[in-house]
Amino acid sequence: MKRLRILPRLRVVAGHRIDTERLLLRSPTVADAPRISELIGSWDIARWLVRVPYPYRINHAIAWVERSNQERAASMGWPFIMVRVEDQAIIGSMDLSLEPDRITGALGYWIGEPYWNLGYATEAARAVIEFAFDTLSLETVTASALPDNARSIRVLEKAGLSYVDSRPEETTERGRVDTDFFAVSRATWLSSR
């Protein structure tokens, strides 16, 4: 008898859209730029993001959207805007960037402060990890967080990633920063479902 596998309420509509129970993850558009710059322009958000300039202006958001579209067209990145289904509010971003080995994806995200501690980041992270393994057939998903960013570390752990080690990262925006590195393999992910 074939064993049924129960999946979370997740539907990948295309490589540019994922539906979860409470969120729509979709490709960003230039029309999203004002809301993106409004949310990420807060120091309480920007201080946790090592590759984001501060202050974050609308021209930064437009450049990010354009770069996102180029990455998606080249199948090197899958940036998603997080939209809350109940009111269509843009609440943050979750993206997956393909590493040079082409079997590893790096997860990155931010979420607007009014939407913290409501489980949205974890819900989106799980959906994008599922997309990485089931749709893109990647072998590993990684992420990093600043060591004192307890909220982000908690999201990564709840999404299924485990701490690997601490690593320095060189960034244009902040110079050298030390980050905590997390990862989950396809095998671990599949065994935990």
C-alpha atoms as a PDB file:
ATOM      1  CA  MET A   1       0.000   0.000   0.000  1.00  0.00           C
ATOM      2  CA  LYS A   2       1.336   3.417  -0.927  1.00  0.00           C
ATOM      3  CA  ARG A   3       2.071   5.607   2.085  1.00  0.00           C
ATOM      4  CA  LEU A   4       0.480   9.055   1.939  1.00  0.00           C
ATOM      5  CA  ARG A   5       2.654  12.021   2.739  1.00  0.00           C
ATOM      6  CA  ILE A   6       0.996  14.944   4.491  1.00  0.00           C
ATOM      7  CA  LEU A   7       2.389  18.249   3.266  1.00  0.00           C
ATOM      8  CA  PRO A   8       2.047  21.676   4.854  1.00  0.00           C
ATOM      9  CA  ARG A   9      -0.428  24.081   3.328  1.00  0.00           C
ATOM     10  CA  LEU A  10       1.949  25.253   0.659  1.00  0.00           C
ATOM     11  CA  ARG A  11       1.389  25.699  -3.029  1.00  0.00           C
ATOM     12  CA  VAL A  12       4.094  26.653  -5.499  1.00  0.00           C
ATOM     13  CA  VAL A  13       2.188  28.299  -8.326  1.00  0.00           C
ATOM     14  CA  ALA A  14       5.311  29.054 -10.355  1.00  0.00           C
ATOM     15  CA  GLY A  15       8.908  29.985  -9.682  1.00  0.00           C
ATOM     16  CA  HIS A  16       7.684  33.497  -8.986  1.00  0.00           C
ATOM     17  CA  ARG A  17       4.850  32.734  -6.560  1.00  0.00           C
ATOM     18  CA  ILE A  18       4.338  30.592  -3.472  1.00  0.00           C
ATOM     19  CA  ASP A  19       1.116  30.524  -1.450  1.00  0.00           C
ATOM     20  CA  THR A  20       1.169  29.578   2.230  1.00  0.00           C
ATOM     21  CA  GLU A  21      -1.643  29.619   4.744  1.00  0.00           C
ATOM     22  CA  ARG A  22      -1.271  33.318   5.593  1.00  0.00           C
ATOM     23  CA  LEU A  23       1.151  34.651   2.985  1.00  0.00           C
ATOM     24  CA  LEU A  24       1.615  35.176  -0.703  1.00  0.00           C
ATOM     25  CA  LEU A  25       5.293  35.139  -1.697  1.00  0.00           C
ATOM     26  CA  ARG A  26       5.680  36.772  -5.098  1.00  0.00           C
ATOM     27  CA  SER A  27       8.220  38.485  -7.307  1.00  0.00           C
ATOM     28  CA  PRO A  28       8.899  42.111  -6.377  1.00  0.00           C
ATOM     29  CA  THR A  29       7.872  44.921  -8.729  1.00  0.00           C
ATOM     30  CA  VAL A  30       8.944  48.553  -8.963  1.00  0.00           C
ATOM     31  CA  ALA A  31       5.499  49.483  -7.583  1.00  0.00           C
ATOM     32  CA  ASP A  32       6.569  47.788  -4.320  1.00  0.00           C
ATOM     33  CA  ALA A  33       9.591  50.087  -3.892  1.00  0.00           C
ATOM     34  CA  PRO A  34       7.946  52.770  -1.706  1.00  0.00           C
ATOM     35  CA  ARG A  35       6.671  50.199   0.805  1.00  0.00           C
ATOM     36  CA  ILE A  36       9.974  48.299   0.756  1.00  0.00           C
ATOM     37  CA  SER A  37      11.957  51.458   1.492  1.00  0.00           C
ATOM     38  CA  GLU A  38       9.481  52.475   4.189  1.00  0.00           C
ATOM     39  CA  LEU A  39       9.791  49.171   6.050  1.00  0.00           C
ATOM     40  CA  ILE A  40      13.481  48.458   5.611  1.00  0.00           C
ATOM     41  CA  GLY A  41      14.358  52.128   6.120  1.00  0.00           C
ATOM     42  CA  SER A  42      13.850  51.749   9.858  1.00  0.00           C
ATOM     43  CA  TRP A  43      17.123  51.485  11.779  1.00  0.00           C
ATOM     44  CA  ASP A  44      15.536  48.703  13.880  1.00  0.00           C
ATOM     45  CA  ILE A  45      15.419  46.620  10.672  1.00  0.00           C
ATOM     46  CA  ALA A  46      18.527  47.838   8.857  1.00  0.00           C
ATOM     47  CA  ARG A  47      20.885  47.312  11.796  1.00  0.00           C
ATOM     48  CA  TRP A  48      20.419  43.537  11.500  1.00  0.00           C
ATOM     49  CA  LEU A  49      21.100  43.411   7.747  1.00  0.00           C
ATOM     50  CA  VAL A  50      24.768  43.320   6.817  1.00  0.00           C
ATOM     51  CA  ARG A  51      24.274  43.943   3.091  1.00  0.00           C
ATOM     52  CA  VAL A  52      21.737  46.755   3.217  1.00  0.00           C
ATOM     53  CA  PRO A  53      22.687  50.447   3.147  1.00  0.00           C
ATOM     54  CA  TYR A  54      21.325  52.829   5.759  1.00  0.00           C
ATOM     55  CA  PRO A  55      19.462  55.032   5.298  1.00  0.00           C
ATOM     56  CA  TYR A  56      17.603  52.890   2.785  1.00  0.00           C
ATOM     57  CA  ARG A  57      15.986  55.093   0.181  1.00  0.00           C
ATOM     58  CA  ILE A  58      13.501  54.407  -2.593  1.00  0.00           C
ATOM     59  CA  ASN A  59      16.295  54.335  -5.198  1.00  0.00           C
ATOM     60  CA  HIS A  60      17.866  51.453  -3.222  1.00  0.00           C
ATOM     61  CA  ALA A  61      14.540  49.590  -3.345  1.00  0.00           C
ATOM     62  CA  ILE A  62      14.168  50.173  -7.090  1.00  0.00           C
ATOM     63  CA  ALA A  63      17.728  48.942  -7.703  1.00  0.00           C
ATOM     64  CA  TRP A  64      17.012  45.846  -5.570  1.00  0.00           C
ATOM     65  CA  VAL A  65      13.840  45.081  -7.568  1.00  0.00           C
ATOM     66  CA  GLU A  66      15.724  45.438 -10.865  1.00  0.00           C
ATOM     67  CA  ARG A  67      18.592  43.246  -9.622  1.00  0.00           C
ATOM     68  CA  SER A  68      16.052  40.720  -8.324  1.00  0.00           C
ATOM     69  CA  ASN A  69      14.436  40.455 -11.742  1.00  0.00           C
ATOM     70  CA  GLN A  70      17.846  39.910 -13.360  1.00  0.00           C
ATOM     71  CA  GLU A  71      18.749  37.186 -10.828  1.00  0.00           C
ATOM     72  CA  ARG A  72      15.440  35.409 -11.365  1.00  0.00           C
ATOM     73  CA  ALA A  73      15.791  35.615 -15.170  1.00  0.00           C
ATOM     74  CA  ALA A  74      19.282  34.072 -14.871  1.00  0.00           C
ATOM     75  CA  SER A  75      17.975  31.373 -12.457  1.00  0.00           C
ATOM     76  CA  MET A  76      20.487  32.567  -9.857  1.00  0.00           C
ATOM     77  CA  GLY A  77      18.098  34.046  -7.314  1.00  0.00           C
ATOM     78  CA  TRP A  78      14.499  33.800  -6.228  1.00  0.00           C
ATOM     79  CA  PRO A  79      13.535  36.944  -4.319  1.00  0.00           C
ATOM     80  CA  PHE A  80      10.035  37.040  -2.924  1.00  0.00           C
ATOM     81  CA  ILE A  81       8.037  39.870  -1.416  1.00  0.00           C
ATOM     82  CA  MET A  82       5.990  38.656   1.562  1.00  0.00           C
ATOM     83  CA  VAL A  83       2.373  39.797   1.251  1.00  0.00           C
ATOM     84  CA  ARG A  84      -0.092  39.132   4.061  1.00  0.00           C
ATOM     85  CA  VAL A  85      -3.152  37.490   2.507  1.00  0.00           C
ATOM     86  CA  GLU A  86      -5.723  38.989   4.889  1.00  0.00           C
ATOM     87  CA  ASP A  87      -5.087  42.593   3.829  1.00  0.00           C
ATOM     88  CA  GLN A  88      -2.550  42.392   0.951  1.00  0.00           C
ATOM     89  CA  ALA A  89       0.006  44.314   3.051  1.00  0.00           C
ATOM     90  CA  ILE A  90       3.649  43.961   2.036  1.00  0.00           C
ATOM     91  CA  ILE A  91       5.392  42.886   5.222  1.00  0.00           C
ATOM     92  CA  GLY A  92       8.923  41.913   4.175  1.00  0.00           C
ATOM     93  CA  SER A  93      11.120  39.922   1.831  1.00  0.00           C
ATOM     94  CA  MET A  94      12.437  36.362   1.703  1.00  0.00           C
ATOM     95  CA  ASP A  95      14.932  35.335  -0.921  1.00  0.00           C
ATOM     96  CA  LEU A  96      17.024  32.399  -2.002  1.00  0.00           C
ATOM     97  CA  SER A  97      20.295  32.984  -3.855  1.00  0.00           C
ATOM     98  CA  LEU A  98      22.027  30.189  -5.680  1.00  0.00           C
ATOM     99  CA  GLU A  99      25.646  29.655  -4.613  1.00  0.00           C
ATOM    100  CA  PRO A 100      28.398  29.065  -7.220  1.00  0.00           C
ATOM    101  CA  ASP A 101      28.224  25.286  -6.649  1.00  0.00           C
ATOM    102  CA  ARG A 102      24.616  25.429  -7.972  1.00  0.00           C
ATOM    103  CA  ILE A 103      23.431  22.872  -5.382  1.00  0.00           C
ATOM    104  CA  THR A 104      23.331  25.249  -2.417  1.00  0.00           C
ATOM    105  CA  GLY A 105      20.980  28.144  -1.826  1.00  0.00           C
ATOM    106  CA  ALA A 106      21.498  30.975   0.653  1.00  0.00           C
ATOM    107  CA  LEU A 107      18.373  32.187   2.414  1.00  0.00           C
ATOM    108  CA  GLY A 108      18.048  35.847   3.332  1.00  0.00           C
ATOM    109  CA  TYR A 109      15.159  37.829   4.678  1.00  0.00           C
ATOM    110  CA  TRP A 110      13.853  40.828   6.525  1.00  0.00           C
ATOM    111  CA  ILE A 111      10.440  41.594   7.942  1.00  0.00           C
ATOM    112  CA  GLY A 112       8.897  44.927   8.918  1.00  0.00           C
ATOM    113  CA  GLU A 113       8.838  45.649  12.632  1.00  0.00           C
ATOM    114  CA  PRO A 114       5.011  45.759  12.924  1.00  0.00           C
ATOM    115  CA  TYR A 115       5.007  42.106  11.786  1.00  0.00           C
ATOM    116  CA  TRP A 116       7.610  40.716  14.204  1.00  0.00           C
ATOM    117  CA  ASN A 117       6.775  37.842  16.537  1.00  0.00           C
ATOM    118  CA  LEU A 118       3.740  36.703  14.528  1.00  0.00           C
ATOM    119  CA  GLY A 119       5.363  33.695  12.840  1.00  0.00           C
ATOM    120  CA  TYR A 120       5.394  35.194   9.334  1.00  0.00           C
ATOM    121  CA  ALA A 121       9.170  34.949   8.862  1.00  0.00           C
ATOM    122  CA  THR A 122       9.220  31.290   9.902  1.00  0.00           C
ATOM    123  CA  GLU A 123       6.246  30.496   7.652  1.00  0.00           C
ATOM    124  CA  ALA A 124       7.934  32.169   4.678  1.00  0.00           C
ATOM    125  CA  ALA A 125      11.327  30.581   5.409  1.00  0.00           C
ATOM    126  CA  ARG A 126       9.822  27.090   5.527  1.00  0.00           C
ATOM    127  CA  ALA A 127       8.019  27.723   2.244  1.00  0.00           C
ATOM    128  CA  VAL A 128      11.160  28.930   0.480  1.00  0.00           C
ATOM    129  CA  ILE A 129      13.204  26.027   1.886  1.00  0.00           C
ATOM    130  CA  GLU A 130      10.558  23.626   0.599  1.00  0.00           C
ATOM    131  CA  PHE A 131      10.732  25.381  -2.782  1.00  0.00           C
ATOM    132  CA  ALA A 132      14.544  25.026  -2.737  1.00  0.00           C
ATOM    133  CA  PHE A 133      14.444  21.288  -2.156  1.00  0.00           C
ATOM    134  CA  ASP A 134      11.271  20.222  -3.985  1.00  0.00           C
ATOM    135  CA  THR A 135      11.256  22.570  -6.976  1.00  0.00           C
ATOM    136  CA  LEU A 136      14.912  23.527  -7.451  1.00  0.00           C
ATOM    137  CA  SER A 137      16.333  20.174  -6.232  1.00  0.00           C
ATOM    138  CA  LEU A 138      19.043  21.862  -4.185  1.00  0.00           C
ATOM    139  CA  GLU A 139      21.104  19.804  -1.727  1.00  0.00           C
ATOM    140  CA  THR A 140      21.623  22.406   1.025  1.00  0.00           C
ATOM    141  CA  VAL A 141      20.078  25.651   2.210  1.00  0.00           C
ATOM    142  CA  THR A 142      22.195  28.015   4.296  1.00  0.00           C
ATOM    143  CA  ALA A 143      21.625  31.299   6.107  1.00  0.00           C
ATOM    144  CA  SER A 144      23.516  33.618   8.391  1.00  0.00           C
ATOM    145  CA  ALA A 145      22.576  35.975  11.206  1.00  0.00           C
ATOM    146  CA  LEU A 146      24.399  38.423  13.389  1.00  0.00           C
ATOM    147  CA  PRO A 147      25.266  36.622  16.654  1.00  0.00           C
ATOM    148  CA  ASP A 148      23.199  39.008  18.805  1.00  0.00           C
ATOM    149  CA  ASN A 149      20.105  38.827  16.578  1.00  0.00           C
ATOM    150  CA  ALA A 150      18.183  36.344  18.718  1.00  0.00           C
ATOM    151  CA  ARG A 151      14.934  36.814  16.757  1.00  0.00           C
ATOM    152  CA  SER A 152      16.533  35.908  13.430  1.00  0.00           C
ATOM    153  CA  ILE A 153      18.396  32.951  14.922  1.00  0.00           C
ATOM    154  CA  ARG A 154      15.113  31.691  16.375  1.00  0.00           C
ATOM    155  CA  VAL A 155      13.412  31.986  12.949  1.00  0.00           C
ATOM    156  CA  LEU A 156      16.207  29.995  11.296  1.00  0.00           C
ATOM    157  CA  GLU A 157      16.065  27.271  13.954  1.00  0.00           C
ATOM    158  CA  LYS A 158      12.260  27.041  13.798  1.00  0.00           C
ATOM    159  CA  ALA A 159      12.514  26.814  10.001  1.00  0.00           C
ATOM    160  CA  GLY A 160      14.752  23.737  10.352  1.00  0.00           C
ATOM    161  CA  LEU A 161      18.276  25.119   9.996  1.00  0.00           C
ATOM    162  CA  SER A 162      20.999  24.238  12.503  1.00  0.00           C
ATOM    163  CA  TYR A 163      23.973  26.253  13.695  1.00  0.00           C
ATOM    164  CA  VAL A 164      27.200  25.289  11.918  1.00  0.00           C
ATOM    165  CA  ASP A 165      29.798  27.842  13.036  1.00  0.00           C
ATOM    166  CA  SER A 166      30.726  31.523  13.173  1.00  0.00           C
ATOM    167  CA  ARG A 167      32.201  33.089  10.048  1.00  0.00           C
ATOM    168  CA  PRO A 168      33.495  36.487   9.030  1.00  0.00           C
ATOM    169  CA  GLU A 169      31.792  38.112   6.050  1.00  0.00           C
ATOM    170  CA  GLU A 170      33.160  40.960   3.979  1.00  0.00           C
ATOM    171  CA  THR A 171      30.470  43.432   2.980  1.00  0.00           C
ATOM    172  CA  THR A 172      30.556  46.669   1.024  1.00  0.00           C
ATOM    173  CA  GLU A 173      28.082  48.312   3.371  1.00  0.00           C
ATOM    174  CA  ARG A 174      29.562  47.360   6.764  1.00  0.00           C
ATOM    175  CA  GLY A 175      33.033  46.019   6.113  1.00  0.00           C
ATOM    176  CA  ARG A 176      33.965  42.819   7.917  1.00  0.00           C
ATOM    177  CA  VAL A 177      31.282  41.397  10.202  1.00  0.00           C
ATOM    178  CA  ASP A 178      31.151  38.160  12.152  1.00  0.00           C
ATOM    179  CA  THR A 179      28.008  36.102  11.561  1.00  0.00           C
ATOM    180  CA  ASP A 180      26.572  32.831  12.787  1.00  0.00           C
ATOM    181  CA  PHE A 181      26.197  30.359   9.919  1.00  0.00           C
ATOM    182  CA  PHE A 182      23.264  27.901   9.694  1.00  0.00           C
ATOM    183  CA  ALA A 183      22.394  25.108   7.261  1.00  0.00           C
ATOM    184  CA  VAL A 184      19.974  22.294   6.522  1.00  0.00           C
ATOM    185  CA  SER A 185      20.537  19.471   4.053  1.00  0.00           C
ATOM    186  CA  ARG A 186      17.893  18.006   1.793  1.00  0.00           C
ATOM    187  CA  ALA A 187      18.164  14.666   3.635  1.00  0.00           C
ATOM    188  CA  THR A 188      17.642  16.284   7.040  1.00  0.00           C
ATOM    189  CA  TRP A 189      14.735  18.363   5.719  1.00  0.00           C
ATOM    190  CA  LEU A 190      13.001  15.355   4.169  1.00  0.00           C
ATOM    191  CA  SER A 191      13.471  13.221   7.276  1.00  0.00           C
ATOM    192  CA  SER A 192      11.921  15.894   9.482  1.00  0.00           C
ATOM    193  CA  ARG A 193       8.688  16.175   7.466  1.00  0.00           C
END
